[in-house]
Amino acid sequence: MKKYLKKYALVFPLLGIVLLFHNCQSSTPKEVKLHEESNTTTDIRSSKRINAAIIVQKVTFPNMPFAELIRLMNLTKDSSPAALWKAISTLPQAEQMKKDSFDIENPLQRMELMLAPLRKMEIKFDQQQAKSDAAGLTYRLENYVNYNKGSGEVFLANREDEAIHVGLNYPEGKLNGLAKVQIRINPKEYMIDKTGKTKVIAGITCQQAIYNKIDAMDKTLPKFVVWKSPRIPKGINLLHPYVFDENEGILEIDAYLNEDENSLLRFTTTAVVEKQFEPKEFEVTKAQTKLDGSKDQNNIEKNVLDVVFH
């Protein structure tokens, strides 16, 4: 067969090129498809599960002027809400007047910025529990969950005065998330597309899922793009600012704050470092008084705002 093709390729070079082109076209889609299926099923599922590690995350605003705005803010010294306005005043007048997708005059969107863990976001986990240590402009947060028991514990304190704090317990089976600091995403409100796409985040191959709001009239958090891996326990998802009911651990969240595609707030993992932990490393700072996380949501909300905006 090879001699036959070689002979006619030499005699009819144009025919040989056409046959070669046709052969490439017919085989390429099959090869690409096999590669994609391997990425999204066999390769990921067969990867070794990570039993214990610390996850380092960062928060960015990829498509917003706030990426520049955050760089202008002195996060080590001037951490009050006034720092935000001070940073805005240093921008060129044309940029100050520009109506971007993140409306600084909107108190809800301004609160979103204040509550984001801009300074620090780390999660340590093993196979039964996880603890996050996060810090925003005005607060620091310790959030612990035992996902085997469905219980948890939280300590939230003002950065300048830790006497201003709130602590709470979540009894078994009563994990609801910390009011204002965490938002639970109801999967019934979204069309969820498991796209099959993959990308590597901090050395971990992750799968993509896209959430689009079903109700087109509801402009609140209309879209999310999450990247997850079965190598990471799903229990860590209980510690993210946006809490998703996914069966794999999430390493990146793109949250669209409104219908504008530029209104993007990204929580992404920069490092996953495997290590073993002592029990005390999962302990949470003791509060003077503790609220019941399953019963006192209104009181918790008030205390959270007192801590953050003190």
Foldseek 3Di string as FASTA:
>chain_A
DVVVLVVVCVVPVVVNVVVVVVVCVVCVVVVVVVVLVCLLPVVQVPDAAFFKWKFWKAKALVQDCVNVLVVQADLVPDLALVSSVVSLVPDPPVVNPDDDPQDCVDVLSVLVQLLDQHPTWMKIDGDFKIWIWGHGSFKIKIKIAGVVQQKIKIKMATPVDRLQIAIAIEHGPQQDAQPSNAAEDDLVQWDKDQPSDWDAAQNRIWTKIKTAGPPPVDFAQGIKIWTWGQSAQCVCLSVDNYRYPDRTHTAKMWTQGGPDPSSTMMMHTRHIGRDDDDPCVSDDDDHPDYDYPRPPNVVSNVSVCSRSND
